[in-house]
Amino acid sequence: MRAGVAMLPAGKRRNSLHEYLEKRVLPSFVGRVLPFDLACTSAYAQVLAAARKAGSGIETADACIAAVAFANGFIVATRDTSPFRAAGLTVINPWEDA
């Protein structure tokens, strides 16, 4: 979200959105966002290696999500399951019947 606001042209709209994001939106995530820590860097390497061995690429953002999930023992819930499965994670597609 910060990147999206930062990429807007300088001006009143960007300033207003920046202030709203910093003061109203982001504080609601305090204590609810997992860090990308040292354990995640190790998991990130494993995720990239697993995807490559599976003959699949994985986008950086997906690899970061996969690494955080892997490092914390979580399952990924997404409609776009293929990159996460290629990385060796357990994936749930909430839009499909179980």
PDB file of N, CA and C in Angstrom:
ATOM      1  N   MET A   1       0.833  -1.169   0.000  1.00  0.00           N
ATOM      2  CA  MET A   1       0.000   0.000   0.000  1.00  0.00           C
ATOM      3  C   MET A   1       0.884   1.241   0.000  1.00  0.00           C
ATOM      4  N   ARG A   2       1.952   1.188   0.783  1.00  0.00           N
ATOM      5  CA  ARG A   2       2.851   2.340   0.806  1.00  0.00           C
ATOM      6  C   ARG A   2       3.464   2.574  -0.568  1.00  0.00           C
ATOM      7  N   ALA A   3       3.818   1.494  -1.251  1.00  0.00           N
ATOM      8  CA  ALA A   3       4.414   1.642  -2.578  1.00  0.00           C
ATOM      9  C   ALA A   3       3.422   2.275  -3.544  1.00  0.00           C
ATOM     10  N   GLY A   4       2.173   1.845  -3.481  1.00  0.00           N
ATOM     11  CA  GLY A   4       1.157   2.415  -4.359  1.00  0.00           C
ATOM     12  C   GLY A   4       0.984   3.904  -4.144  1.00  0.00           C
ATOM     13  N   VAL A   5       0.960   4.317  -2.895  1.00  0.00           N
ATOM     14  CA  VAL A   5       0.834   5.745  -2.582  1.00  0.00           C
ATOM     15  C   VAL A   5       2.088   6.489  -3.022  1.00  0.00           C
ATOM     16  N   ALA A   6       3.252   5.905  -2.774  1.00  0.00           N
ATOM     17  CA  ALA A   6       4.513   6.568  -3.132  1.00  0.00           C
ATOM     18  C   ALA A   6       4.648   6.769  -4.639  1.00  0.00           C
ATOM     19  N   MET A   7       4.019   5.908  -5.428  1.00  0.00           N
ATOM     20  CA  MET A   7       4.128   6.012  -6.885  1.00  0.00           C
ATOM     21  C   MET A   7       3.155   7.014  -7.496  1.00  0.00           C
ATOM     22  N   LEU A   8       2.242   7.530  -6.697  1.00  0.00           N
ATOM     23  CA  LEU A   8       1.322   8.548  -7.206  1.00  0.00           C
ATOM     24  C   LEU A   8       2.079   9.842  -7.478  1.00  0.00           C
ATOM     25  N   PRO A   9       1.582  10.645  -8.404  1.00  0.00           N
ATOM     26  CA  PRO A   9       2.219  11.941  -8.642  1.00  0.00           C
ATOM     27  C   PRO A   9       2.162  12.803  -7.373  1.00  0.00           C
ATOM     28  N   ALA A  10       3.206  13.575  -7.156  1.00  0.00           N
ATOM     29  CA  ALA A  10       3.244  14.467  -5.994  1.00  0.00           C
ATOM     30  C   ALA A  10       2.037  15.394  -6.033  1.00  0.00           C
ATOM     31  N   GLY A  11       1.502  15.664  -4.859  1.00  0.00           N
ATOM     32  CA  GLY A  11       0.367  16.572  -4.799  1.00  0.00           C
ATOM     33  C   GLY A  11      -0.546  16.275  -3.633  1.00  0.00           C
ATOM     34  N   LYS A  12      -1.666  16.985  -3.632  1.00  0.00           N
ATOM     35  CA  LYS A  12      -2.615  16.921  -2.531  1.00  0.00           C
ATOM     36  C   LYS A  12      -3.195  15.511  -2.343  1.00  0.00           C
ATOM     37  N   ARG A  13      -3.520  14.839  -3.447  1.00  0.00           N
ATOM     38  CA  ARG A  13      -4.118  13.494  -3.357  1.00  0.00           C
ATOM     39  C   ARG A  13      -3.137  12.510  -2.718  1.00  0.00           C
ATOM     40  N   ARG A  14      -1.890  12.512  -3.183  1.00  0.00           N
ATOM     41  CA  ARG A  14      -0.893  11.604  -2.612  1.00  0.00           C
ATOM     42  C   ARG A  14      -0.679  11.910  -1.141  1.00  0.00           C
ATOM     43  N   ASN A  15      -0.569  13.170  -0.788  1.00  0.00           N
ATOM     44  CA  ASN A  15      -0.371  13.552   0.615  1.00  0.00           C
ATOM     45  C   ASN A  15      -1.539  13.100   1.486  1.00  0.00           C
ATOM     46  N   SER A  16      -2.747  13.291   0.977  1.00  0.00           N
ATOM     47  CA  SER A  16      -3.938  12.898   1.723  1.00  0.00           C
ATOM     48  C   SER A  16      -3.995  11.383   1.912  1.00  0.00           C
ATOM     49  N   LEU A  17      -3.722  10.627   0.848  1.00  0.00           N
ATOM     50  CA  LEU A  17      -3.729   9.167   0.948  1.00  0.00           C
ATOM     51  C   LEU A  17      -2.615   8.665   1.861  1.00  0.00           C
ATOM     52  N   HIS A  18      -1.464   9.300   1.784  1.00  0.00           N
ATOM     53  CA  HIS A  18      -0.346   8.918   2.654  1.00  0.00           C
ATOM     54  C   HIS A  18      -0.729   9.101   4.126  1.00  0.00           C
ATOM     55  N   GLU A  19      -1.304  10.235   4.447  1.00  0.00           N
ATOM     56  CA  GLU A  19      -1.703  10.507   5.826  1.00  0.00           C
ATOM     57  C   GLU A  19      -2.776   9.521   6.292  1.00  0.00           C
ATOM     58  N   TYR A  20      -3.763   9.253   5.442  1.00  0.00           N
ATOM     59  CA  TYR A  20      -4.830   8.310   5.788  1.00  0.00           C
ATOM     60  C   TYR A  20      -4.254   6.908   6.015  1.00  0.00           C
ATOM     61  N   LEU A  21      -3.371   6.490   5.136  1.00  0.00           N
ATOM     62  CA  LEU A  21      -2.755   5.174   5.252  1.00  0.00           C
ATOM     63  C   LEU A  21      -1.967   5.045   6.549  1.00  0.00           C
ATOM     64  N   GLU A  22      -1.145   6.013   6.839  1.00  0.00           N
ATOM     65  CA  GLU A  22      -0.274   5.951   8.015  1.00  0.00           C
ATOM     66  C   GLU A  22      -1.036   6.095   9.331  1.00  0.00           C
ATOM     67  N   LYS A  23      -2.085   6.921   9.335  1.00  0.00           N
ATOM     68  CA  LYS A  23      -2.786   7.194  10.595  1.00  0.00           C
ATOM     69  C   LYS A  23      -4.016   6.323  10.828  1.00  0.00           C
ATOM     70  N   ARG A  24      -4.642   5.812   9.742  1.00  0.00           N
ATOM     71  CA  ARG A  24      -5.901   5.082   9.914  1.00  0.00           C
ATOM     72  C   ARG A  24      -5.808   3.609   9.521  1.00  0.00           C
ATOM     73  N   VAL A  25      -5.165   3.328   8.409  1.00  0.00           N
ATOM     74  CA  VAL A  25      -5.157   1.955   7.898  1.00  0.00           C
ATOM     75  C   VAL A  25      -4.086   1.107   8.570  1.00  0.00           C
ATOM     76  N   LEU A  26      -2.834   1.507   8.460  1.00  0.00           N
ATOM     77  CA  LEU A  26      -1.734   0.679   8.961  1.00  0.00           C
ATOM     78  C   LEU A  26      -1.782   0.404  10.460  1.00  0.00           C
ATOM     79  N   PRO A  27      -2.213   1.342  11.288  1.00  0.00           N
ATOM     80  CA  PRO A  27      -2.294   1.014  12.719  1.00  0.00           C
ATOM     81  C   PRO A  27      -3.212  -0.169  13.029  1.00  0.00           C
ATOM     82  N   SER A  28      -4.189  -0.430  12.178  1.00  0.00           N
ATOM     83  CA  SER A  28      -5.083  -1.565  12.431  1.00  0.00           C
ATOM     84  C   SER A  28      -4.392  -2.910  12.206  1.00  0.00           C
ATOM     85  N   PHE A  29      -3.201  -2.897  11.623  1.00  0.00           N
ATOM     86  CA  PHE A  29      -2.453  -4.131  11.388  1.00  0.00           C
ATOM     87  C   PHE A  29      -1.384  -4.398  12.441  1.00  0.00           C
ATOM     88  N   VAL A  30      -1.213  -3.513  13.393  1.00  0.00           N
ATOM     89  CA  VAL A  30      -0.197  -3.697  14.433  1.00  0.00           C
ATOM     90  C   VAL A  30      -0.467  -5.005  15.170  1.00  0.00           C
ATOM     91  N   GLY A  31       0.566  -5.834  15.263  1.00  0.00           N
ATOM     92  CA  GLY A  31       0.451  -7.117  15.938  1.00  0.00           C
ATOM     93  C   GLY A  31      -0.221  -8.202  15.116  1.00  0.00           C
ATOM     94  N   ARG A  32      -0.564  -7.891  13.867  1.00  0.00           N
ATOM     95  CA  ARG A  32      -1.269  -8.860  13.020  1.00  0.00           C
ATOM     96  C   ARG A  32      -0.512  -9.189  11.743  1.00  0.00           C
ATOM     97  N   VAL A  33       0.695  -8.666  11.587  1.00  0.00           N
ATOM     98  CA  VAL A  33       1.494  -8.910  10.390  1.00  0.00           C
ATOM     99  C   VAL A  33       2.753  -9.651  10.800  1.00  0.00           C
ATOM    100  N   LEU A  34       3.012 -10.768  10.133  1.00  0.00           N
ATOM    101  CA  LEU A  34       4.197 -11.554  10.451  1.00  0.00           C
ATOM    102  C   LEU A  34       5.429 -10.928   9.810  1.00  0.00           C
ATOM    103  N   PRO A  35       6.550 -10.925  10.516  1.00  0.00           N
ATOM    104  CA  PRO A  35       7.768 -10.336   9.957  1.00  0.00           C
ATOM    105  C   PRO A  35       8.451 -11.276   8.969  1.00  0.00           C
ATOM    106  N   PHE A  36       9.222 -10.718   8.077  1.00  0.00           N
ATOM    107  CA  PHE A  36      10.121 -11.498   7.224  1.00  0.00           C
ATOM    108  C   PHE A  36      11.460 -11.488   7.944  1.00  0.00           C
ATOM    109  N   ASP A  37      11.663 -12.497   8.785  1.00  0.00           N
ATOM    110  CA  ASP A  37      12.829 -12.532   9.663  1.00  0.00           C
ATOM    111  C   ASP A  37      13.891 -13.492   9.140  1.00  0.00           C
ATOM    112  N   LEU A  38      14.894 -13.778   9.967  1.00  0.00           N
ATOM    113  CA  LEU A  38      16.005 -14.631   9.560  1.00  0.00           C
ATOM    114  C   LEU A  38      15.534 -16.030   9.173  1.00  0.00           C
ATOM    115  N   ALA A  39      14.576 -16.584   9.906  1.00  0.00           N
ATOM    116  CA  ALA A  39      14.032 -17.902   9.555  1.00  0.00           C
ATOM    117  C   ALA A  39      13.389 -17.860   8.170  1.00  0.00           C
ATOM    118  N   CYS A  40      12.780 -16.743   7.839  1.00  0.00           N
ATOM    119  CA  CYS A  40      12.145 -16.605   6.529  1.00  0.00           C
ATOM    120  C   CYS A  40      13.179 -16.550   5.408  1.00  0.00           C
ATOM    121  N   THR A  41      14.352 -15.999   5.678  1.00  0.00           N
ATOM    122  CA  THR A  41      15.376 -15.957   4.631  1.00  0.00           C
ATOM    123  C   THR A  41      15.831 -17.362   4.272  1.00  0.00           C
ATOM    124  N   SER A  42      15.931 -18.233   5.264  1.00  0.00           N
ATOM    125  CA  SER A  42      16.282 -19.630   5.011  1.00  0.00           C
ATOM    126  C   SER A  42      15.156 -20.325   4.246  1.00  0.00           C
ATOM    127  N   ALA A  43      13.930 -20.091   4.672  1.00  0.00           N
ATOM    128  CA  ALA A  43      12.772 -20.674   3.988  1.00  0.00           C
ATOM    129  C   ALA A  43      12.673 -20.156   2.558  1.00  0.00           C
ATOM    130  N   TYR A  44      13.008 -18.897   2.344  1.00  0.00           N
ATOM    131  CA  TYR A  44      12.975 -18.297   1.010  1.00  0.00           C
ATOM    132  C   TYR A  44      13.907 -19.052   0.068  1.00  0.00           C
ATOM    133  N   ALA A  45      15.112 -19.358   0.551  1.00  0.00           N
ATOM    134  CA  ALA A  45      16.067 -20.117  -0.260  1.00  0.00           C
ATOM    135  C   ALA A  45      15.505 -21.499  -0.591  1.00  0.00           C
ATOM    136  N   GLN A  46      14.880 -22.137   0.380  1.00  0.00           N
ATOM    137  CA  GLN A  46      14.292 -23.462   0.156  1.00  0.00           C
ATOM    138  C   GLN A  46      13.131 -23.396  -0.831  1.00  0.00           C
ATOM    139  N   VAL A  47      12.329 -22.365  -0.728  1.00  0.00           N
ATOM    140  CA  VAL A  47      11.189 -22.176  -1.627  1.00  0.00           C
ATOM    141  C   VAL A  47      11.672 -22.001  -3.066  1.00  0.00           C
ATOM    142  N   LEU A  48      12.679 -21.157  -3.269  1.00  0.00           N
ATOM    143  CA  LEU A  48      13.206 -20.940  -4.618  1.00  0.00           C
ATOM    144  C   LEU A  48      13.794 -22.222  -5.183  1.00  0.00           C
ATOM    145  N   ALA A  49      14.543 -22.956  -4.357  1.00  0.00           N
ATOM    146  CA  ALA A  49      15.152 -24.211  -4.806  1.00  0.00           C
ATOM    147  C   ALA A  49      14.084 -25.240  -5.160  1.00  0.00           C
ATOM    148  N   ALA A  50      13.052 -25.361  -4.335  1.00  0.00           N
ATOM    149  CA  ALA A  50      11.981 -26.331  -4.592  1.00  0.00           C
ATOM    150  C   ALA A  50      11.231 -25.989  -5.877  1.00  0.00           C
ATOM    151  N   ALA A  51      10.947 -24.715  -6.083  1.00  0.00           N
ATOM    152  CA  ALA A  51      10.246 -24.295  -7.300  1.00  0.00           C
ATOM    153  C   ALA A  51      11.096 -24.588  -8.531  1.00  0.00           C
ATOM    154  N   ARG A  52      12.369 -24.304  -8.444  1.00  0.00           N
ATOM    155  CA  ARG A  52      13.265 -24.564  -9.578  1.00  0.00           C
ATOM    156  C   ARG A  52      13.342 -26.060  -9.871  1.00  0.00           C
ATOM    157  N   LYS A  53      13.470 -26.875  -8.816  1.00  0.00           N
ATOM    158  CA  LYS A  53      13.525 -28.333  -8.999  1.00  0.00           C
ATOM    159  C   LYS A  53      12.246 -28.864  -9.624  1.00  0.00           C
ATOM    160  N   ALA A  54      11.131 -28.215  -9.329  1.00  0.00           N
ATOM    161  CA  ALA A  54       9.843 -28.615  -9.902  1.00  0.00           C
ATOM    162  C   ALA A  54       9.675 -28.094 -11.328  1.00  0.00           C
ATOM    163  N   GLY A  55      10.678 -27.361 -11.814  1.00  0.00           N
ATOM    164  CA  GLY A  55      10.607 -26.807 -13.159  1.00  0.00           C
ATOM    165  C   GLY A  55       9.678 -25.625 -13.274  1.00  0.00           C
ATOM    166  N   SER A  56       9.479 -24.947 -12.168  1.00  0.00           N
ATOM    167  CA  SER A  56       8.545 -23.826 -12.120  1.00  0.00           C
ATOM    168  C   SER A  56       9.244 -22.592 -11.570  1.00  0.00           C
ATOM    169  N   GLY A  57       8.844 -21.444 -12.053  1.00  0.00           N
ATOM    170  CA  GLY A  57       9.324 -20.198 -11.477  1.00  0.00           C
ATOM    171  C   GLY A  57       8.352 -19.734 -10.409  1.00  0.00           C
ATOM    172  N   ILE A  58       8.799 -18.819  -9.591  1.00  0.00           N
ATOM    173  CA  ILE A  58       7.918 -18.233  -8.579  1.00  0.00           C
ATOM    174  C   ILE A  58       8.264 -16.756  -8.465  1.00  0.00           C
ATOM    175  N   GLU A  59       7.260 -15.931  -8.527  1.00  0.00           N
ATOM    176  CA  GLU A  59       7.463 -14.483  -8.417  1.00  0.00           C
ATOM    177  C   GLU A  59       7.987 -14.129  -7.029  1.00  0.00           C
ATOM    178  N   THR A  60       8.708 -13.042  -6.933  1.00  0.00           N
ATOM    179  CA  THR A  60       9.300 -12.627  -5.663  1.00  0.00           C
ATOM    180  C   THR A  60       8.253 -12.479  -4.566  1.00  0.00           C
ATOM    181  N   ALA A  61       7.147 -11.822  -4.859  1.00  0.00           N
ATOM    182  CA  ALA A  61       6.111 -11.623  -3.830  1.00  0.00           C
ATOM    183  C   ALA A  61       5.553 -12.958  -3.356  1.00  0.00           C
ATOM    184  N   ASP A  62       5.284 -13.876  -4.296  1.00  0.00           N
ATOM    185  CA  ASP A  62       4.780 -15.196  -3.914  1.00  0.00           C
ATOM    186  C   ASP A  62       5.820 -15.964  -3.106  1.00  0.00           C
ATOM    187  N   ALA A  63       7.086 -15.846  -3.488  1.00  0.00           N
ATOM    188  CA  ALA A  63       8.154 -16.530  -2.752  1.00  0.00           C
ATOM    189  C   ALA A  63       8.268 -15.989  -1.331  1.00  0.00           C
ATOM    190  N   CYS A  64       8.077 -14.694  -1.158  1.00  0.00           N
ATOM    191  CA  CYS A  64       8.113 -14.107   0.191  1.00  0.00           C
ATOM    192  C   CYS A  64       6.943 -14.607   1.029  1.00  0.00           C
ATOM    193  N   ILE A  65       5.760 -14.649   0.442  1.00  0.00           N
ATOM    194  CA  ILE A  65       4.585 -15.169   1.153  1.00  0.00           C
ATOM    195  C   ILE A  65       4.813 -16.628   1.518  1.00  0.00           C
ATOM    196  N   ALA A  66       5.312 -17.407   0.566  1.00  0.00           N
ATOM    197  CA  ALA A  66       5.583 -18.825   0.806  1.00  0.00           C
ATOM    198  C   ALA A  66       6.614 -19.004   1.911  1.00  0.00           C
ATOM    199  N   ALA A  67       7.642 -18.178   1.917  1.00  0.00           N
ATOM    200  CA  ALA A  67       8.692 -18.283   2.934  1.00  0.00           C
ATOM    201  C   ALA A  67       8.153 -17.994   4.328  1.00  0.00           C
ATOM    202  N   VAL A  68       7.326 -16.976   4.458  1.00  0.00           N
ATOM    203  CA  VAL A  68       6.734 -16.653   5.763  1.00  0.00           C
ATOM    204  C   VAL A  68       5.837 -17.803   6.219  1.00  0.00           C
ATOM    205  N   ALA A  69       5.048 -18.345   5.305  1.00  0.00           N
ATOM    206  CA  ALA A  69       4.180 -19.475   5.652  1.00  0.00           C
ATOM    207  C   ALA A  69       5.010 -20.686   6.061  1.00  0.00           C
ATOM    208  N   PHE A  70       6.017 -21.007   5.280  1.00  0.00           N
ATOM    209  CA  PHE A  70       6.873 -22.163   5.556  1.00  0.00           C
ATOM    210  C   PHE A  70       7.587 -22.011   6.901  1.00  0.00           C
ATOM    211  N   ALA A  71       8.157 -20.847   7.141  1.00  0.00           N
ATOM    212  CA  ALA A  71       8.913 -20.603   8.378  1.00  0.00           C
ATOM    213  C   ALA A  71       8.029 -20.656   9.617  1.00  0.00           C
ATOM    214  N   ASN A  72       6.751 -20.369   9.453  1.00  0.00           N
ATOM    215  CA  ASN A  72       5.828 -20.349  10.590  1.00  0.00           C
ATOM    216  C   ASN A  72       4.913 -21.569  10.646  1.00  0.00           C
ATOM    217  N   GLY A  73       5.118 -22.519   9.729  1.00  0.00           N
ATOM    218  CA  GLY A  73       4.315 -23.735   9.723  1.00  0.00           C
ATOM    219  C   GLY A  73       2.876 -23.525   9.307  1.00  0.00           C
ATOM    220  N   PHE A  74       2.640 -22.560   8.424  1.00  0.00           N
ATOM    221  CA  PHE A  74       1.285 -22.241   7.993  1.00  0.00           C
ATOM    222  C   PHE A  74       0.968 -22.841   6.629  1.00  0.00           C
ATOM    223  N   ILE A  75      -0.304 -22.945   6.348  1.00  0.00           N
ATOM    224  CA  ILE A  75      -0.821 -23.331   5.042  1.00  0.00           C
ATOM    225  C   ILE A  75      -1.177 -22.036   4.316  1.00  0.00           C
ATOM    226  N   VAL A  76      -0.978 -22.002   3.000  1.00  0.00           N
ATOM    227  CA  VAL A  76      -1.328 -20.824   2.215  1.00  0.00           C
ATOM    228  C   VAL A  76      -2.727 -21.011   1.638  1.00  0.00           C
ATOM    229  N   ALA A  77      -3.579 -20.015   1.792  1.00  0.00           N
ATOM    230  CA  ALA A  77      -4.914 -20.015   1.194  1.00  0.00           C
ATOM    231  C   ALA A  77      -4.919 -19.000   0.063  1.00  0.00           C
ATOM    232  N   THR A  78      -5.113 -19.487  -1.167  1.00  0.00           N
ATOM    233  CA  THR A  78      -5.076 -18.625  -2.339  1.00  0.00           C
ATOM    234  C   THR A  78      -5.769 -19.298  -3.513  1.00  0.00           C
ATOM    235  N   ARG A  79      -6.210 -18.507  -4.447  1.00  0.00           N
ATOM    236  CA  ARG A  79      -6.765 -19.054  -5.685  1.00  0.00           C
ATOM    237  C   ARG A  79      -5.632 -19.468  -6.625  1.00  0.00           C
ATOM    238  N   ASP A  80      -4.511 -18.778  -6.544  1.00  0.00           N
ATOM    239  CA  ASP A  80      -3.350 -19.045  -7.403  1.00  0.00           C
ATOM    240  C   ASP A  80      -2.446 -20.076  -6.721  1.00  0.00           C
ATOM    241  N   THR A  81      -2.818 -21.332  -6.789  1.00  0.00           N
ATOM    242  CA  THR A  81      -2.142 -22.379  -6.016  1.00  0.00           C
ATOM    243  C   THR A  81      -0.834 -22.867  -6.623  1.00  0.00           C
ATOM    244  N   SER A  82      -0.685 -22.795  -7.934  1.00  0.00           N
ATOM    245  CA  SER A  82       0.445 -23.457  -8.593  1.00  0.00           C
ATOM    246  C   SER A  82       1.825 -23.027  -8.109  1.00  0.00           C
ATOM    247  N   PRO A  83       2.126 -21.737  -7.925  1.00  0.00           N
ATOM    248  CA  PRO A  83       3.481 -21.412  -7.475  1.00  0.00           C
ATOM    249  C   PRO A  83       3.776 -21.917  -6.066  1.00  0.00           C
ATOM    250  N   PHE A  84       2.765 -21.954  -5.223  1.00  0.00           N
ATOM    251  CA  PHE A  84       2.961 -22.398  -3.848  1.00  0.00           C
ATOM    252  C   PHE A  84       3.107 -23.916  -3.777  1.00  0.00           C
ATOM    253  N   ARG A  85       2.348 -24.618  -4.600  1.00  0.00           N
ATOM    254  CA  ARG A  85       2.504 -26.078  -4.659  1.00  0.00           C
ATOM    255  C   ARG A  85       3.872 -26.438  -5.224  1.00  0.00           C
ATOM    256  N   ALA A  86       4.311 -25.707  -6.252  1.00  0.00           N
ATOM    257  CA  ALA A  86       5.629 -25.962  -6.839  1.00  0.00           C
ATOM    258  C   ALA A  86       6.735 -25.746  -5.816  1.00  0.00           C
ATOM    259  N   ALA A  87       6.480 -24.854  -4.861  1.00  0.00           N
ATOM    260  CA  ALA A  87       7.463 -24.575  -3.811  1.00  0.00           C
ATOM    261  C   ALA A  87       7.371 -25.575  -2.668  1.00  0.00           C
ATOM    262  N   GLY A  88       6.418 -26.508  -2.749  1.00  0.00           N
ATOM    263  CA  GLY A  88       6.317 -27.559  -1.744  1.00  0.00           C
ATOM    264  C   GLY A  88       5.431 -27.252  -0.554  1.00  0.00           C
ATOM    265  N   LEU A  89       4.615 -26.220  -0.645  1.00  0.00           N
ATOM    266  CA  LEU A  89       3.736 -25.871   0.473  1.00  0.00           C
ATOM    267  C   LEU A  89       2.373 -26.530   0.344  1.00  0.00           C
ATOM    268  N   THR A  90       1.727 -26.706   1.470  1.00  0.00           N
ATOM    269  CA  THR A  90       0.335 -27.133   1.475  1.00  0.00           C
ATOM    270  C   THR A  90      -0.511 -25.901   1.171  1.00  0.00           C
ATOM    271  N   VAL A  91      -1.447 -26.059   0.238  1.00  0.00           N
ATOM    272  CA  VAL A  91      -2.237 -24.923  -0.230  1.00  0.00           C
ATOM    273  C   VAL A  91      -3.721 -25.275  -0.188  1.00  0.00           C
ATOM    274  N   ILE A  92      -4.517 -24.311   0.200  1.00  0.00           N
ATOM    275  CA  ILE A  92      -5.972 -24.423   0.165  1.00  0.00           C
ATOM    276  C   ILE A  92      -6.479 -23.378  -0.824  1.00  0.00           C
ATOM    277  N   ASN A  93      -7.352 -23.806  -1.730  1.00  0.00           N
ATOM    278  CA  ASN A  93      -8.020 -22.866  -2.617  1.00  0.00           C
ATOM    279  C   ASN A  93      -9.432 -22.671  -2.076  1.00  0.00           C
ATOM    280  N   PRO A  94      -9.694 -21.550  -1.404  1.00  0.00           N
ATOM    281  CA  PRO A  94     -11.005 -21.346  -0.786  1.00  0.00           C
ATOM    282  C   PRO A  94     -12.146 -21.182  -1.785  1.00  0.00           C
ATOM    283  N   TRP A  95     -11.836 -21.063  -3.076  1.00  0.00           N
ATOM    284  CA  TRP A  95     -12.863 -20.908  -4.094  1.00  0.00           C
ATOM    285  C   TRP A  95     -13.274 -22.250  -4.698  1.00  0.00           C
ATOM    286  N   GLU A  96     -12.639 -23.338  -4.257  1.00  0.00           N
ATOM    287  CA  GLU A  96     -12.990 -24.675  -4.736  1.00  0.00           C
ATOM    288  C   GLU A  96     -13.605 -25.483  -3.608  1.00  0.00           C
ATOM    289  N   ASP A  97     -14.432 -26.438  -3.979  1.00  0.00           N
ATOM    290  CA  ASP A  97     -14.983 -27.352  -2.980  1.00  0.00           C
ATOM    291  C   ASP A  97     -13.875 -28.255  -2.460  1.00  0.00           C
ATOM    292  N   ALA A  98     -13.946 -28.577  -1.187  1.00  0.00           N
ATOM    293  CA  ALA A  98     -12.913 -29.421  -0.571  1.00  0.00           C
ATOM    294  C   ALA A  98     -13.045 -30.861  -0.989  1.00  0.00           C
TER     295      ALA A  98
END
